[in-house]
Amino acid sequence: LRFVAFVNEEPPFFYGHEMGSMVYAKAARQRREPI
């Protein structure tokens, strides 16, 4: 199990490239993380 506290979910970041979870998910995909 992995637990993650994300930053910058709320506007003005929501749906944007600087949204914390967007940064995280992009990096995970680049590393081919087995989520």
Full PDB file with SEQRES, HELIX, SHEET, SSBOND, CRYST1, ORIGX, SCALE, CONECT and MASTER records, all heavy atoms in Angstrom:
SEQRES   1 A   35  LEU ARG PHE VAL ALA PHE VAL ASN GLU GLU PRO PRO PHE          
SEQRES   2 A   35  PHE TYR GLY HIS GLU MET GLY SER MET VAL TYR ALA LYS          
SEQRES   3 A   35  ALA ALA ARG GLN ARG ARG GLU PRO ILE                          
HELIX    1 AA1 GLY A   20  GLN A   30  1                                  11    
CRYST1    1.000    1.000    1.000  90.00  90.00  90.00 P 1           1          
ORIGX1      1.000000  0.000000  0.000000        0.00000                         
ORIGX2      0.000000  1.000000  0.000000        0.00000                         
ORIGX3      0.000000  0.000000  1.000000        0.00000                         
SCALE1      1.000000  0.000000  0.000000        0.00000                         
SCALE2      0.000000  1.000000  0.000000        0.00000                         
SCALE3      0.000000  0.000000  1.000000        0.00000                         
ATOM      1  N   LEU A   1       0.852  -1.185   0.000  1.00  0.00           N  
ATOM      2  CA  LEU A   1       0.000   0.000   0.000  1.00  0.00           C  
ATOM      3  C   LEU A   1       0.888   1.236   0.000  1.00  0.00           C  
ATOM      4  O   LEU A   1       1.888   1.295   0.724  1.00  0.00           O  
ATOM      5  CB  LEU A   1      -0.883   0.037   1.251  1.00  0.00           C  
ATOM      6  CG  LEU A   1      -2.204  -0.716   1.218  1.00  0.00           C  
ATOM      7  CD1 LEU A   1      -2.778  -0.786   2.625  1.00  0.00           C  
ATOM      8  CD2 LEU A   1      -3.196  -0.049   0.288  1.00  0.00           C  
ATOM      9  N   ARG A   2       0.524   2.209  -0.795  1.00  0.00           N  
ATOM     10  CA  ARG A   2       1.237   3.487  -0.781  1.00  0.00           C  
ATOM     11  C   ARG A   2       0.242   4.571  -0.389  1.00  0.00           C  
ATOM     12  O   ARG A   2      -0.864   4.631  -0.928  1.00  0.00           O  
ATOM     13  CB  ARG A   2       1.849   3.781  -2.150  1.00  0.00           C  
ATOM     14  CG  ARG A   2       2.759   5.005  -2.161  1.00  0.00           C  
ATOM     15  CD  ARG A   2       3.704   4.968  -3.351  1.00  0.00           C  
ATOM     16  NE  ARG A   2       4.696   3.906  -3.180  1.00  0.00           N  
ATOM     17  CZ  ARG A   2       5.578   3.563  -4.124  1.00  0.00           C  
ATOM     18  NH1 ARG A   2       5.578   4.188  -5.288  1.00  0.00           N  
ATOM     19  NH2 ARG A   2       6.450   2.604  -3.896  1.00  0.00           N  
ATOM     20  N   PHE A   3       0.647   5.413   0.561  1.00  0.00           N  
ATOM     21  CA  PHE A   3      -0.177   6.525   1.017  1.00  0.00           C  
ATOM     22  C   PHE A   3       0.497   7.817   0.586  1.00  0.00           C  
ATOM     23  O   PHE A   3       1.687   8.012   0.844  1.00  0.00           O  
ATOM     24  CB  PHE A   3      -0.336   6.489   2.533  1.00  0.00           C  
ATOM     25  CG  PHE A   3      -1.009   5.244   3.064  1.00  0.00           C  
ATOM     26  CD1 PHE A   3      -0.253   4.173   3.525  1.00  0.00           C  
ATOM     27  CD2 PHE A   3      -2.387   5.152   3.091  1.00  0.00           C  
ATOM     28  CE1 PHE A   3      -0.869   3.019   4.007  1.00  0.00           C  
ATOM     29  CE2 PHE A   3      -3.017   4.009   3.574  1.00  0.00           C  
ATOM     30  CZ  PHE A   3      -2.257   2.938   4.026  1.00  0.00           C  
ATOM     31  N   VAL A   4      -0.275   8.708  -0.052  1.00  0.00           N  
ATOM     32  CA  VAL A   4       0.293   9.948  -0.578  1.00  0.00           C  
ATOM     33  C   VAL A   4      -0.586  11.134  -0.177  1.00  0.00           C  
ATOM     34  O   VAL A   4      -1.813  11.098  -0.353  1.00  0.00           O  
ATOM     35  CB  VAL A   4       0.425   9.912  -2.113  1.00  0.00           C  
ATOM     36  CG1 VAL A   4       1.107  11.186  -2.610  1.00  0.00           C  
ATOM     37  CG2 VAL A   4       1.221   8.688  -2.561  1.00  0.00           C  
ATOM     38  N   ALA A   5       0.053  12.163   0.373  1.00  0.00           N  
ATOM     39  CA  ALA A   5      -0.608  13.441   0.640  1.00  0.00           C  
ATOM     40  C   ALA A   5      -0.213  14.398  -0.475  1.00  0.00           C  
ATOM     41  O   ALA A   5       0.970  14.719  -0.634  1.00  0.00           O  
ATOM     42  CB  ALA A   5      -0.184  13.987   2.001  1.00  0.00           C  
ATOM     43  N   PHE A   6      -1.201  14.830  -1.248  1.00  0.00           N  
ATOM     44  CA  PHE A   6      -0.953  15.658  -2.427  1.00  0.00           C  
ATOM     45  C   PHE A   6      -1.092  17.141  -2.095  1.00  0.00           C  
ATOM     46  O   PHE A   6      -1.982  17.555  -1.337  1.00  0.00           O  
ATOM     47  CB  PHE A   6      -1.944  15.338  -3.541  1.00  0.00           C  
ATOM     48  CG  PHE A   6      -1.831  13.941  -4.082  1.00  0.00           C  
ATOM     49  CD1 PHE A   6      -2.852  13.019  -3.872  1.00  0.00           C  
ATOM     50  CD2 PHE A   6      -0.720  13.544  -4.804  1.00  0.00           C  
ATOM     51  CE1 PHE A   6      -2.762  11.736  -4.368  1.00  0.00           C  
ATOM     52  CE2 PHE A   6      -0.620  12.253  -5.314  1.00  0.00           C  
ATOM     53  CZ  PHE A   6      -1.641  11.338  -5.088  1.00  0.00           C  
ATOM     54  N   VAL A   7      -0.265  17.945  -2.705  1.00  0.00           N  
ATOM     55  CA  VAL A   7      -0.355  19.394  -2.614  1.00  0.00           C  
ATOM     56  C   VAL A   7      -1.106  19.932  -3.834  1.00  0.00           C  
ATOM     57  O   VAL A   7      -1.287  19.232  -4.829  1.00  0.00           O  
ATOM     58  CB  VAL A   7       1.074  20.005  -2.510  1.00  0.00           C  
ATOM     59  CG1 VAL A   7       1.819  19.904  -3.839  1.00  0.00           C  
ATOM     60  CG2 VAL A   7       1.036  21.441  -2.000  1.00  0.00           C  
ATOM     61  N   ASN A   8      -1.579  21.160  -3.740  1.00  0.00           N  
ATOM     62  CA  ASN A   8      -2.095  21.918  -4.900  1.00  0.00           C  
ATOM     63  C   ASN A   8      -3.206  21.206  -5.674  1.00  0.00           C  
ATOM     64  O   ASN A   8      -3.173  21.133  -6.902  1.00  0.00           O  
ATOM     65  CB  ASN A   8      -0.942  22.239  -5.867  1.00  0.00           C  
ATOM     66  CG  ASN A   8      -0.005  23.310  -5.336  1.00  0.00           C  
ATOM     67  OD1 ASN A   8      -0.176  23.800  -4.214  1.00  0.00           O  
ATOM     68  ND2 ASN A   8       0.990  23.676  -6.122  1.00  0.00           N  
ATOM     69  N   GLU A   9      -4.207  20.722  -4.943  1.00  0.00           N  
ATOM     70  CA  GLU A   9      -5.379  20.180  -5.641  1.00  0.00           C  
ATOM     71  C   GLU A   9      -6.372  21.264  -6.009  1.00  0.00           C  
ATOM     72  O   GLU A   9      -7.048  21.181  -7.038  1.00  0.00           O  
ATOM     73  CB  GLU A   9      -6.061  19.114  -4.763  1.00  0.00           C  
ATOM     74  CG  GLU A   9      -7.154  18.321  -5.463  1.00  0.00           C  
ATOM     75  CD  GLU A   9      -8.559  18.893  -5.256  1.00  0.00           C  
ATOM     76  OE1 GLU A   9      -8.695  19.909  -4.532  1.00  0.00           O  
ATOM     77  OE2 GLU A   9      -9.522  18.333  -5.812  1.00  0.00           O  
ATOM     78  N   GLU A  10      -6.493  22.262  -5.151  1.00  0.00           N  
ATOM     79  CA  GLU A  10      -7.522  23.282  -5.320  1.00  0.00           C  
ATOM     80  C   GLU A  10      -7.134  24.305  -6.404  1.00  0.00           C  
ATOM     81  O   GLU A  10      -5.966  24.415  -6.781  1.00  0.00           O  
ATOM     82  CB  GLU A  10      -7.747  24.008  -3.992  1.00  0.00           C  
ATOM     83  CG  GLU A  10      -8.246  23.118  -2.859  1.00  0.00           C  
ATOM     84  CD  GLU A  10      -9.694  22.701  -3.008  1.00  0.00           C  
ATOM     85  OE1 GLU A  10     -10.312  23.018  -4.034  1.00  0.00           O  
ATOM     86  OE2 GLU A  10     -10.204  22.053  -2.073  1.00  0.00           O  
ATOM     87  N   PRO A  11      -8.131  25.087  -6.908  1.00  0.00           N  
ATOM     88  CA  PRO A  11      -7.816  26.175  -7.840  1.00  0.00           C  
ATOM     89  C   PRO A  11      -6.799  27.122  -7.215  1.00  0.00           C  
ATOM     90  O   PRO A  11      -6.793  27.307  -5.989  1.00  0.00           O  
ATOM     91  CB  PRO A  11      -9.175  26.870  -8.033  1.00  0.00           C  
ATOM     92  CG  PRO A  11     -10.187  25.806  -7.736  1.00  0.00           C  
ATOM     93  CD  PRO A  11      -9.579  24.963  -6.648  1.00  0.00           C  
ATOM     94  N   PRO A  12      -5.885  27.683  -8.026  1.00  0.00           N  
ATOM     95  CA  PRO A  12      -5.862  27.726  -9.493  1.00  0.00           C  
ATOM     96  C   PRO A  12      -5.184  26.545 -10.161  1.00  0.00           C  
ATOM     97  O   PRO A  12      -4.927  26.579 -11.363  1.00  0.00           O  
ATOM     98  CB  PRO A  12      -5.058  29.001  -9.761  1.00  0.00           C  
ATOM     99  CG  PRO A  12      -4.075  29.047  -8.633  1.00  0.00           C  
ATOM    100  CD  PRO A  12      -4.828  28.530  -7.438  1.00  0.00           C  
ATOM    101  N   PHE A  13      -4.903  25.480  -9.404  1.00  0.00           N  
ATOM    102  CA  PHE A  13      -4.157  24.358  -9.969  1.00  0.00           C  
ATOM    103  C   PHE A  13      -5.045  23.251 -10.516  1.00  0.00           C  
ATOM    104  O   PHE A  13      -4.593  22.429 -11.306  1.00  0.00           O  
ATOM    105  CB  PHE A  13      -3.232  23.770  -8.899  1.00  0.00           C  
ATOM    106  CG  PHE A  13      -2.295  24.780  -8.319  1.00  0.00           C  
ATOM    107  CD1 PHE A  13      -2.536  25.341  -7.075  1.00  0.00           C  
ATOM    108  CD2 PHE A  13      -1.185  25.193  -9.025  1.00  0.00           C  
ATOM    109  CE1 PHE A  13      -1.676  26.281  -6.544  1.00  0.00           C  
ATOM    110  CE2 PHE A  13      -0.324  26.142  -8.499  1.00  0.00           C  
ATOM    111  CZ  PHE A  13      -0.563  26.685  -7.265  1.00  0.00           C  
ATOM    112  N   PHE A  14      -6.300  23.202 -10.092  1.00  0.00           N  
ATOM    113  CA  PHE A  14      -7.170  22.072 -10.397  1.00  0.00           C  
ATOM    114  C   PHE A  14      -7.234  21.806 -11.894  1.00  0.00           C  
ATOM    115  O   PHE A  14      -7.484  22.715 -12.690  1.00  0.00           O  
ATOM    116  CB  PHE A  14      -8.573  22.335  -9.842  1.00  0.00           C  
ATOM    117  CG  PHE A  14      -9.444  21.110  -9.842  1.00  0.00           C  
ATOM    118  CD1 PHE A  14      -9.063  19.994  -9.120  1.00  0.00           C  
ATOM    119  CD2 PHE A  14     -10.615  21.076 -10.557  1.00  0.00           C  
ATOM    120  CE1 PHE A  14      -9.866  18.862  -9.108  1.00  0.00           C  
ATOM    121  CE2 PHE A  14     -11.426  19.960 -10.547  1.00  0.00           C  
ATOM    122  CZ  PHE A  14     -11.041  18.843  -9.820  1.00  0.00           C  
ATOM    123  N   TYR A  15      -6.997  20.553 -12.267  1.00  0.00           N  
ATOM    124  CA  TYR A  15      -6.956  20.078 -13.661  1.00  0.00           C  
ATOM    125  C   TYR A  15      -5.704  20.520 -14.413  1.00  0.00           C  
ATOM    126  O   TYR A  15      -5.524  20.159 -15.572  1.00  0.00           O  
ATOM    127  CB  TYR A  15      -8.176  20.529 -14.456  1.00  0.00           C  
ATOM    128  CG  TYR A  15      -9.428  19.720 -14.241  1.00  0.00           C  
ATOM    129  CD1 TYR A  15     -10.670  20.243 -14.570  1.00  0.00           C  
ATOM    130  CD2 TYR A  15      -9.391  18.428 -13.716  1.00  0.00           C  
ATOM    131  CE1 TYR A  15     -11.842  19.507 -14.378  1.00  0.00           C  
ATOM    132  CE2 TYR A  15     -10.550  17.696 -13.520  1.00  0.00           C  
ATOM    133  CZ  TYR A  15     -11.762  18.239 -13.857  1.00  0.00           C  
ATOM    134  OH  TYR A  15     -12.922  17.521 -13.675  1.00  0.00           O  
ATOM    135  N   GLY A  16      -4.838  21.334 -13.797  1.00  0.00           N  
ATOM    136  CA  GLY A  16      -3.673  21.859 -14.493  1.00  0.00           C  
ATOM    137  C   GLY A  16      -2.432  20.997 -14.300  1.00  0.00           C  
ATOM    138  O   GLY A  16      -2.387  20.072 -13.482  1.00  0.00           O  
ATOM    139  N   HIS A  17      -1.371  21.336 -15.024  1.00  0.00           N  
ATOM    140  CA  HIS A  17      -0.140  20.559 -14.989  1.00  0.00           C  
ATOM    141  C   HIS A  17       0.597  20.695 -13.662  1.00  0.00           C  
ATOM    142  O   HIS A  17       1.423  19.842 -13.328  1.00  0.00           O  
ATOM    143  CB  HIS A  17       0.780  20.989 -16.133  1.00  0.00           C  
ATOM    144  CG  HIS A  17       0.216  20.719 -17.494  1.00  0.00           C  
ATOM    145  ND1 HIS A  17      -0.092  19.443 -17.921  1.00  0.00           N  
ATOM    146  CD2 HIS A  17      -0.110  21.544 -18.520  1.00  0.00           C  
ATOM    147  CE1 HIS A  17      -0.572  19.495 -19.156  1.00  0.00           C  
ATOM    148  NE2 HIS A  17      -0.600  20.758 -19.529  1.00  0.00           N  
ATOM    149  N   GLU A  18       0.308  21.760 -12.890  1.00  0.00           N  
ATOM    150  CA  GLU A  18       0.993  21.980 -11.624  1.00  0.00           C  
ATOM    151  C   GLU A  18       0.215  21.426 -10.434  1.00  0.00           C  
ATOM    152  O   GLU A  18       0.654  21.556  -9.290  1.00  0.00           O  
ATOM    153  CB  GLU A  18       1.257  23.479 -11.436  1.00  0.00           C  
ATOM    154  CG  GLU A  18       2.218  24.051 -12.467  1.00  0.00           C  
ATOM    155  CD  GLU A  18       2.308  25.565 -12.400  1.00  0.00           C  
ATOM    156  OE1 GLU A  18       1.339  26.189 -11.921  1.00  0.00           O  
ATOM    157  OE2 GLU A  18       3.333  26.115 -12.817  1.00  0.00           O  
ATOM    158  N   MET A  19      -0.928  20.816 -10.676  1.00  0.00           N  
ATOM    159  CA  MET A  19      -1.683  20.134  -9.637  1.00  0.00           C  
ATOM    160  C   MET A  19      -0.809  19.003  -9.078  1.00  0.00           C  
ATOM    161  O   MET A  19      -0.197  18.234  -9.827  1.00  0.00           O  
ATOM    162  CB  MET A  19      -2.970  19.577 -10.245  1.00  0.00           C  
ATOM    163  CG  MET A  19      -3.931  18.912  -9.304  1.00  0.00           C  
ATOM    164  SD  MET A  19      -5.406  18.405 -10.257  1.00  0.00           S  
ATOM    165  CE  MET A  19      -6.338  17.528  -8.998  1.00  0.00           C  
ATOM    166  N   GLY A  20      -0.727  18.906  -7.752  1.00  0.00           N  
ATOM    167  CA  GLY A  20       0.191  17.952  -7.151  1.00  0.00           C  
ATOM    168  C   GLY A  20       0.011  16.531  -7.635  1.00  0.00           C  
ATOM    169  O   GLY A  20       0.983  15.833  -7.956  1.00  0.00           O  
ATOM    170  N   SER A  21      -1.218  16.071  -7.697  1.00  0.00           N  
ATOM    171  CA  SER A  21      -1.460  14.703  -8.137  1.00  0.00           C  
ATOM    172  C   SER A  21      -1.173  14.519  -9.624  1.00  0.00           C  
ATOM    173  O   SER A  21      -0.814  13.420 -10.064  1.00  0.00           O  
ATOM    174  CB  SER A  21      -2.902  14.287  -7.832  1.00  0.00           C  
ATOM    175  OG  SER A  21      -3.827  15.173  -8.432  1.00  0.00           O  
ATOM    176  N   MET A  22      -1.315  15.588 -10.412  1.00  0.00           N  
ATOM    177  CA  MET A  22      -0.989  15.510 -11.834  1.00  0.00           C  
ATOM    178  C   MET A  22       0.518  15.322 -12.011  1.00  0.00           C  
ATOM    179  O   MET A  22       0.963  14.503 -12.830  1.00  0.00           O  
ATOM    180  CB  MET A  22      -1.452  16.772 -12.549  1.00  0.00           C  
ATOM    181  CG  MET A  22      -1.502  16.631 -14.056  1.00  0.00           C  
ATOM    182  SD  MET A  22      -2.902  15.628 -14.633  1.00  0.00           S  
ATOM    183  CE  MET A  22      -4.264  16.768 -14.334  1.00  0.00           C  
ATOM    184  N   VAL A  23       1.298  16.078 -11.242  1.00  0.00           N  
ATOM    185  CA  VAL A  23       2.754  15.920 -11.268  1.00  0.00           C  
ATOM    186  C   VAL A  23       3.128  14.497 -10.860  1.00  0.00           C  
ATOM    187  O   VAL A  23       3.972  13.840 -11.486  1.00  0.00           O  
ATOM    188  CB  VAL A  23       3.426  16.949 -10.341  1.00  0.00           C  
ATOM    189  CG1 VAL A  23       4.921  16.685 -10.208  1.00  0.00           C  
ATOM    190  CG2 VAL A  23       3.177  18.365 -10.850  1.00  0.00           C  
ATOM    191  N   TYR A  24       2.483  14.006  -9.816  1.00  0.00           N  
ATOM    192  CA  TYR A  24       2.787  12.669  -9.301  1.00  0.00           C  
ATOM    193  C   TYR A  24       2.427  11.595 -10.318  1.00  0.00           C  
ATOM    194  O   TYR A  24       3.238  10.692 -10.603  1.00  0.00           O  
ATOM    195  CB  TYR A  24       2.015  12.429  -8.005  1.00  0.00           C  
ATOM    196  CG  TYR A  24       2.364  11.129  -7.318  1.00  0.00           C  
ATOM    197  CD1 TYR A  24       3.250  11.108  -6.249  1.00  0.00           C  
ATOM    198  CD2 TYR A  24       1.811   9.927  -7.738  1.00  0.00           C  
ATOM    199  CE1 TYR A  24       3.582   9.918  -5.609  1.00  0.00           C  
ATOM    200  CE2 TYR A  24       2.140   8.729  -7.122  1.00  0.00           C  
ATOM    201  CZ  TYR A  24       3.024   8.731  -6.067  1.00  0.00           C  
ATOM    202  OH  TYR A  24       3.356   7.545  -5.450  1.00  0.00           O  
ATOM    203  N   ALA A  25       1.209  11.646 -10.867  1.00  0.00           N  
ATOM    204  CA  ALA A  25       0.747  10.616 -11.797  1.00  0.00           C  
ATOM    205  C   ALA A  25       1.578  10.604 -13.074  1.00  0.00           C  
ATOM    206  O   ALA A  25       1.876   9.532 -13.619  1.00  0.00           O  
ATOM    207  CB  ALA A  25      -0.729  10.828 -12.119  1.00  0.00           C  
ATOM    208  N   LYS A  26       1.955  11.772 -13.552  1.00  0.00           N  
ATOM    209  CA  LYS A  26       2.790  11.854 -14.748  1.00  0.00           C  
ATOM    210  C   LYS A  26       4.136  11.176 -14.513  1.00  0.00           C  
ATOM    211  O   LYS A  26       4.614  10.388 -15.350  1.00  0.00           O  
ATOM    212  CB  LYS A  26       2.998  13.308 -15.153  1.00  0.00           C  
ATOM    213  CG  LYS A  26       3.872  13.486 -16.393  1.00  0.00           C  
ATOM    214  CD  LYS A  26       4.044  14.969 -16.735  1.00  0.00           C  
ATOM    215  CE  LYS A  26       4.943  15.147 -17.954  1.00  0.00           C  
ATOM    216  NZ  LYS A  26       5.125  16.588 -18.283  1.00  0.00           N  
ATOM    217  N   ALA A  27       4.756  11.467 -13.364  1.00  0.00           N  
ATOM    218  CA  ALA A  27       6.040  10.857 -13.047  1.00  0.00           C  
ATOM    219  C   ALA A  27       5.905   9.350 -12.860  1.00  0.00           C  
ATOM    220  O   ALA A  27       6.780   8.576 -13.270  1.00  0.00           O  
ATOM    221  CB  ALA A  27       6.624  11.503 -11.794  1.00  0.00           C  
ATOM    222  N   ALA A  28       4.805   8.915 -12.241  1.00  0.00           N  
ATOM    223  CA  ALA A  28       4.571   7.485 -12.047  1.00  0.00           C  
ATOM    224  C   ALA A  28       4.449   6.767 -13.384  1.00  0.00           C  
ATOM    225  O   ALA A  28       5.000   5.671 -13.577  1.00  0.00           O  
ATOM    226  CB  ALA A  28       3.316   7.266 -11.212  1.00  0.00           C  
ATOM    227  N   ARG A  29       3.751   7.370 -14.325  1.00  0.00           N  
ATOM    228  CA  ARG A  29       3.602   6.769 -15.652  1.00  0.00           C  
ATOM    229  C   ARG A  29       4.944   6.719 -16.381  1.00  0.00           C  
ATOM    230  O   ARG A  29       5.272   5.711 -17.030  1.00  0.00           O  
ATOM    231  CB  ARG A  29       2.574   7.563 -16.462  1.00  0.00           C  
ATOM    232  CG  ARG A  29       2.398   7.078 -17.901  1.00  0.00           C  
ATOM    233  CD  ARG A  29       2.149   5.584 -17.986  1.00  0.00           C  
ATOM    234  NE  ARG A  29       0.857   5.217 -17.434  1.00  0.00           N  
ATOM    235  CZ  ARG A  29       0.502   3.960 -17.146  1.00  0.00           C  
ATOM    236  NH1 ARG A  29       1.366   2.975 -17.319  1.00  0.00           N  
ATOM    237  NH2 ARG A  29      -0.692   3.696 -16.644  1.00  0.00           N  
ATOM    238  N   GLN A  30       5.731   7.763 -16.260  1.00  0.00           N  
ATOM    239  CA  GLN A  30       7.046   7.776 -16.908  1.00  0.00           C  
ATOM    240  C   GLN A  30       7.953   6.689 -16.348  1.00  0.00           C  
ATOM    241  O   GLN A  30       8.767   6.105 -17.075  1.00  0.00           O  
ATOM    242  CB  GLN A  30       7.688   9.152 -16.753  1.00  0.00           C  
ATOM    243  CG  GLN A  30       7.003  10.250 -17.566  1.00  0.00           C  
ATOM    244  CD  GLN A  30       7.547  11.632 -17.272  1.00  0.00           C  
ATOM    245  OE1 GLN A  30       8.170  11.873 -16.237  1.00  0.00           O  
ATOM    246  NE2 GLN A  30       7.291  12.571 -18.178  1.00  0.00           N  
ATOM    247  N   ARG A  31       7.798   6.402 -15.047  1.00  0.00           N  
ATOM    248  CA  ARG A  31       8.601   5.344 -14.408  1.00  0.00           C  
ATOM    249  C   ARG A  31       7.962   3.970 -14.560  1.00  0.00           C  
ATOM    250  O   ARG A  31       8.513   2.970 -14.091  1.00  0.00           O  
ATOM    251  CB  ARG A  31       8.775   5.646 -12.911  1.00  0.00           C  
ATOM    252  CG  ARG A  31       9.575   6.885 -12.580  1.00  0.00           C  
ATOM    253  CD  ARG A  31       9.911   6.921 -11.083  1.00  0.00           C  
ATOM    254  NE  ARG A  31       8.719   6.832 -10.246  1.00  0.00           N  
ATOM    255  CZ  ARG A  31       8.045   7.871  -9.773  1.00  0.00           C  
ATOM    256  NH1 ARG A  31       8.448   9.102 -10.079  1.00  0.00           N  
ATOM    257  NH2 ARG A  31       6.977   7.704  -9.002  1.00  0.00           N  
ATOM    258  N   ARG A  32       6.784   3.938 -15.163  1.00  0.00           N  
ATOM    259  CA  ARG A  32       6.017   2.697 -15.327  1.00  0.00           C  
ATOM    260  C   ARG A  32       5.722   2.047 -13.979  1.00  0.00           C  
ATOM    261  O   ARG A  32       5.849   0.839 -13.794  1.00  0.00           O  
ATOM    262  CB  ARG A  32       6.753   1.711 -16.251  1.00  0.00           C  
ATOM    263  CG  ARG A  32       6.950   2.261 -17.663  1.00  0.00           C  
ATOM    264  CD  ARG A  32       7.593   1.236 -18.567  1.00  0.00           C  
ATOM    265  NE  ARG A  32       7.753   1.762 -19.919  1.00  0.00           N  
ATOM    266  CZ  ARG A  32       8.297   1.087 -20.923  1.00  0.00           C  
ATOM    267  NH1 ARG A  32       8.726  -0.159 -20.720  1.00  0.00           N  
ATOM    268  NH2 ARG A  32       8.404   1.645 -22.123  1.00  0.00           N  
ATOM    269  N   GLU A  33       5.305   2.888 -13.040  1.00  0.00           N  
ATOM    270  CA  GLU A  33       4.960   2.402 -11.706  1.00  0.00           C  
ATOM    271  C   GLU A  33       3.775   1.438 -11.788  1.00  0.00           C  
ATOM    272  O   GLU A  33       2.766   1.734 -12.442  1.00  0.00           O  
ATOM    273  CB  GLU A  33       4.596   3.575 -10.797  1.00  0.00           C  
ATOM    274  CG  GLU A  33       5.784   4.404 -10.358  1.00  0.00           C  
ATOM    275  CD  GLU A  33       6.570   3.740  -9.253  1.00  0.00           C  
ATOM    276  OE1 GLU A  33       5.975   3.021  -8.423  1.00  0.00           O  
ATOM    277  OE2 GLU A  33       7.793   3.927  -9.213  1.00  0.00           O  
ATOM    278  N   PRO A  34       3.855   0.294 -11.104  1.00  0.00           N  
ATOM    279  CA  PRO A  34       2.785  -0.713 -11.183  1.00  0.00           C  
ATOM    280  C   PRO A  34       1.638  -0.427 -10.215  1.00  0.00           C  
ATOM    281  O   PRO A  34       1.371  -1.202  -9.284  1.00  0.00           O  
ATOM    282  CB  PRO A  34       3.521  -2.006 -10.833  1.00  0.00           C  
ATOM    283  CG  PRO A  34       4.567  -1.560  -9.850  1.00  0.00           C  
ATOM    284  CD  PRO A  34       5.008  -0.194 -10.309  1.00  0.00           C  
ATOM    285  N   ILE A  35       0.948   0.689 -10.425  1.00  0.00           N  
ATOM    286  CA  ILE A  35      -0.192   1.039  -9.567  1.00  0.00           C  
ATOM    287  C   ILE A  35      -1.400   0.226 -10.015  1.00  0.00           C  
ATOM    288  O   ILE A  35      -1.893   0.386 -11.138  1.00  0.00           O  
ATOM    289  CB  ILE A  35      -0.501   2.539  -9.651  1.00  0.00           C  
ATOM    290  CG1 ILE A  35       0.732   3.376  -9.255  1.00  0.00           C  
ATOM    291  CG2 ILE A  35      -1.693   2.891  -8.751  1.00  0.00           C  
ATOM    292  CD1 ILE A  35       0.558   4.865  -9.485  1.00  0.00           C  
TER     293      ILE A  35                                                      
MASTER        0    0    0    1    0    0    0    6  292    1    0    3          
END                                                                             
